[in-house]
């Protein structure tokens, strides 16, 4: 499963619960309003079509235009038009329900650690509240309970499930804040520069974390319900020589360097000199540590004089190489 896409089942089921809460119509694919909101809950991930152009265009633009406020309005308007003609149904009503679906999709994607470019094209910044893993069993269960409650007129059960969804999100937020406070005390003698708490990539019962000090970046994980910090990676930030600092700055301003900085807000840059007197500047995306490695990397190879010889992206595995032109 790709780590950047929240599963479509979560999007459809959670959105169906929201639809049931705001509509008295039946949940059926021959119902134009339900069809509109269901398509809306899936259509932002239509940017997956960019995969046909390769990993770099996809990773550069995924969760960009289609996951922005402007994109949500445009996608909803375009989706509602053919549906209104097909079903001879009120366009504005279908636009509203499509927007509900797109909005629920953006909300769930905003809640995980990859984030969305909410203000595109004004800003390329990725917004994320770092609350949810990519497959959320509790949200799915509560959504199904709510749908059944509305379907059989058990409104107390239906609205209670919707309320518990809010309670669950608040509890995740408070748990993240509490764990962040614990981390701050755990690393209090390390002169912390930056600290990020993230939902674990696959584990519902853990938090991941990145703690950056002056010279070390700690990447680790801890259980939600007990204090047992496990440091998975301890990475040096030291820059020993002036030439090394100059090469790193050059790599940061290269095509792949700019792309990587837009791709992730949490990264580390490393320098390595090869046996043939070349320099490798490596970018590491710190958000996803899978098994014994980080998921996404990029590399800039330079001559000793500082001229860039090669730029490549390494999505999903360090041995997977996509060269920048």
Foldseek 3Di string as FASTA:
>chain_A
DDLLAQDLLLLQLLLLLVCLVVDLDDCDCVPLLNVLLSCLLPVLQVLVVCCVVPDLVSLLCRLELCLEPVNLLVVLLVSLVVSCVVVVDDSVSSSVSSSSSNVSNSVVSQAADQAHNHHPPVDLAGHHPQQDASYDPLSSVLSVQLSVCSVVVVNCSNVVSVVVVVVSSVVSSVLQVVVVVVVCVVCVVQAWPDKDWHCAHPDPFKIWMWTDGPFWIWTWMDGSPDDDTDTLDIDTQDDDDPLSVVLQVVCCPDPVNVSVVSSAVDWGWDWDADPVRKIKIKIARRPHQDDNGGAWMKIWIAHNVNHTDWTWIDGGDPVRTDTDD
